[in-house]
Protein backbone atom coordinates (compact mmCIF):
# COMPACT_ATOMS: atom_id res chain seq x y z
CA MET A 1 86.30 104.54 114.37
CA SER A 2 86.57 105.28 110.67
CA VAL A 3 84.53 107.68 108.55
CA ASN A 4 84.19 107.45 104.80
CA PHE A 5 84.12 111.06 103.63
CA GLN A 6 83.34 110.01 100.06
CA GLN A 7 80.02 108.59 101.21
CA LEU A 8 79.28 111.74 103.20
CA LYS A 9 80.04 113.88 100.13
CA ALA A 10 77.80 111.69 97.99
CA PHE A 11 75.03 112.00 100.57
CA GLU A 12 75.50 115.79 100.63
CA ARG A 13 75.19 115.93 96.81
CA LYS A 14 71.97 113.92 96.91
CA LEU A 15 70.49 116.21 99.56
CA ALA A 16 71.48 119.27 97.55
CA LYS A 17 69.84 117.81 94.45
CA LEU A 18 66.62 117.25 96.38
CA ALA A 19 66.70 120.79 97.76
CA ARG A 20 67.36 122.40 94.35
CA GLY A 21 64.55 121.33 92.11
CA ASP A 22 63.40 117.82 92.68
CA PHE A 23 61.07 118.85 95.49
CA GLU A 24 59.41 121.49 93.30
CA LYS A 25 58.89 118.90 90.57
CA PHE A 26 57.62 116.44 93.16
CA CYS A 27 54.99 118.90 94.41
CA GLU A 28 53.77 119.67 90.89
CA ALA A 29 53.63 115.99 89.98
CA ALA A 30 51.77 115.22 93.21
CA ALA A 31 49.20 117.95 92.51
CA LYS A 32 48.67 116.58 89.01
CA GLU A 33 48.34 113.02 90.28
CA LEU A 34 45.70 114.07 92.81
CA ALA A 35 43.89 116.01 90.07
CA ALA A 36 43.93 112.94 87.81
CA ARG A 37 42.49 110.81 90.60
CA LEU A 38 39.81 113.43 91.25
CA LEU A 39 38.94 113.58 87.56
CA GLY A 40 38.72 109.81 87.33
CA LYS A 41 36.30 109.69 90.23
CA VAL A 42 34.16 112.64 89.17
CA ILE A 43 33.92 111.45 85.56
CA ARG A 44 32.70 108.00 86.65
CA ARG A 45 30.19 109.64 88.99
CA THR A 46 28.82 112.12 86.42
CA PRO A 47 25.49 110.99 84.98
CA VAL A 48 24.97 110.68 81.24
CA ALA A 49 21.57 111.98 80.21
CA LYS A 50 19.79 110.61 77.16
CA VAL A 51 19.19 114.19 76.06
CA ASP A 52 22.83 115.33 75.88
CA GLY A 53 24.59 112.02 75.21
CA GLY A 54 27.40 112.57 77.72
CA THR A 55 28.26 116.25 77.17
CA LEU A 56 28.46 116.85 80.90
CA ARG A 57 30.77 113.86 81.47
CA ARG A 58 33.04 114.86 78.59
CA GLY A 59 33.07 118.41 79.94
CA TRP A 60 35.40 117.49 82.79
CA THR A 61 38.34 117.17 80.44
CA ALA A 62 37.36 119.76 77.85
CA LYS A 63 38.49 123.36 77.85
CA THR A 64 35.41 124.86 76.27
CA HIS A 65 31.76 124.01 75.82
CA ALA A 66 32.38 123.45 72.09
CA GLU A 67 35.10 120.89 72.85
CA ALA A 68 32.80 119.21 75.35
CA GLU A 69 30.06 118.89 72.75
CA SER A 70 32.43 117.66 70.04
CA GLY A 71 34.05 115.08 72.33
CA SER A 72 37.55 116.39 71.58
CA GLY A 73 38.60 116.44 75.23
CA LYS A 74 41.44 114.29 76.64
CA ASN A 75 41.28 111.41 79.09
CA ALA A 76 41.56 112.27 82.79
CA LYS A 77 45.27 111.51 83.19
CA GLU A 78 46.30 113.36 79.99
CA TYR A 79 44.15 116.30 80.95
CA ALA A 80 45.56 116.48 84.49
CA GLU A 81 49.10 116.42 83.08
CA SER A 82 48.24 119.33 80.79
CA LEU A 83 46.98 121.52 83.66
CA SER A 84 49.26 124.25 84.92
CA VAL A 85 50.07 124.23 88.62
CA GLN A 86 50.12 127.60 90.35
CA LYS A 87 52.27 128.04 93.44
CA GLN A 88 50.96 130.47 96.07
CA GLY A 89 53.43 130.50 98.95
CA ASN A 90 53.66 126.88 100.10
CA VAL A 91 50.43 125.88 98.33
CA TYR A 92 50.29 124.25 94.90
CA GLU A 93 46.97 124.77 93.14
CA LEU A 94 45.29 123.73 89.94
CA SER A 95 41.68 124.04 88.85
CA VAL A 96 39.41 121.18 87.92
CA ILE A 97 36.28 122.60 86.35
CA ASN A 98 33.45 121.60 84.07
CA PRO A 99 32.64 124.40 81.60
CA VAL A 100 29.27 122.94 80.61
CA GLU A 101 26.65 125.57 81.54
CA TYR A 102 24.38 123.30 83.52
CA ALA A 103 27.08 121.45 85.48
CA GLN A 104 26.35 123.32 88.71
CA TYR A 105 22.65 122.44 88.50
CA VAL A 106 23.39 118.74 88.20
CA GLU A 107 25.94 119.02 91.03
CA PHE A 108 23.79 120.91 93.54
CA GLY A 109 20.23 120.35 92.30
CA HIS A 110 17.65 122.68 90.78
CA ARG A 111 13.98 123.48 90.56
CA THR A 112 11.85 121.81 87.93
CA ARG A 113 10.82 123.80 84.87
CA ASN A 114 7.38 124.49 86.33
CA HIS A 115 9.00 125.58 89.63
CA GLU A 116 6.83 123.18 91.58
CA GLY A 117 9.41 120.52 92.35
CA TRP A 118 13.09 119.95 93.03
CA ILE A 119 15.61 117.77 91.22
CA ALA A 120 18.16 116.56 93.76
CA GLY A 121 21.82 117.25 93.12
CA ARG A 122 24.21 114.42 92.26
CA PHE A 123 27.20 115.93 94.13
CA MET A 124 29.64 114.15 91.83
CA MET A 125 32.42 116.71 92.44
CA THR A 126 31.71 117.14 96.15
CA ILE A 127 31.79 113.42 96.90
CA SER A 128 34.83 112.82 94.67
CA ALA A 129 36.77 115.70 96.25
CA ASP A 130 36.02 114.35 99.73
CA GLU A 131 37.26 110.90 98.74
CA VAL A 132 40.51 112.28 97.28
CA ASP A 133 41.02 114.42 100.41
CA GLN A 134 40.81 111.28 102.53
CA GLN A 135 43.17 109.33 100.28
CA ALA A 136 45.68 112.16 99.70
CA PRO A 137 47.89 111.60 102.77
CA ALA A 138 48.56 107.96 101.86
CA ILE A 139 49.09 108.80 98.18
CA LEU A 140 51.52 111.61 99.02
CA GLU A 141 53.37 109.50 101.58
CA ARG A 142 53.89 106.71 99.03
CA LYS A 143 54.96 109.22 96.36
CA LEU A 144 57.42 110.91 98.75
CA PHE A 145 58.85 107.57 99.85
CA ASN A 146 59.42 106.60 96.20
CA MET A 147 61.10 109.95 95.46
CA LEU A 148 63.44 109.64 98.45
CA LYS A 149 64.20 106.00 97.64
CA GLU A 150 65.05 106.93 94.06
CA ALA A 151 67.21 109.86 95.19
CA PHE A 152 69.24 107.85 97.68
CA ASP A 153 69.41 104.53 95.80
CA GLY A 154 70.32 106.10 92.45
CA ASN A 155 73.52 107.90 91.53
């Protein structure tokens, strides 16, 4: 039986590279990809009222109400890439919010102005988050497979 120690050393170097920093980068990239997918879904699901002309929809990728009104926000993927990922123990977090004041009322519903009726919520964030939660394992598995394939196929 023969053993090629050069191949074992190369394998060891690749494992060390993965352990050093690639996994950290992978986790941050995965969090941003999931955020981009969430934003894409929630933006498509957000209604555009004739009164505001899409302020609420634009608000998902704006940092302030003024940016939401001016339309100077970014597209979902660009915005997700610009978000900072916070690591808390083994958890990677980032926040997807809509700073438009009335976003929560459209999401969850509200009383009418005369307080005699109820406008049903649209649940655009709730439904979108549930969909991404269901898809996340497959997305992460594919992303991890690609990272490992790249690490062990490349030099």
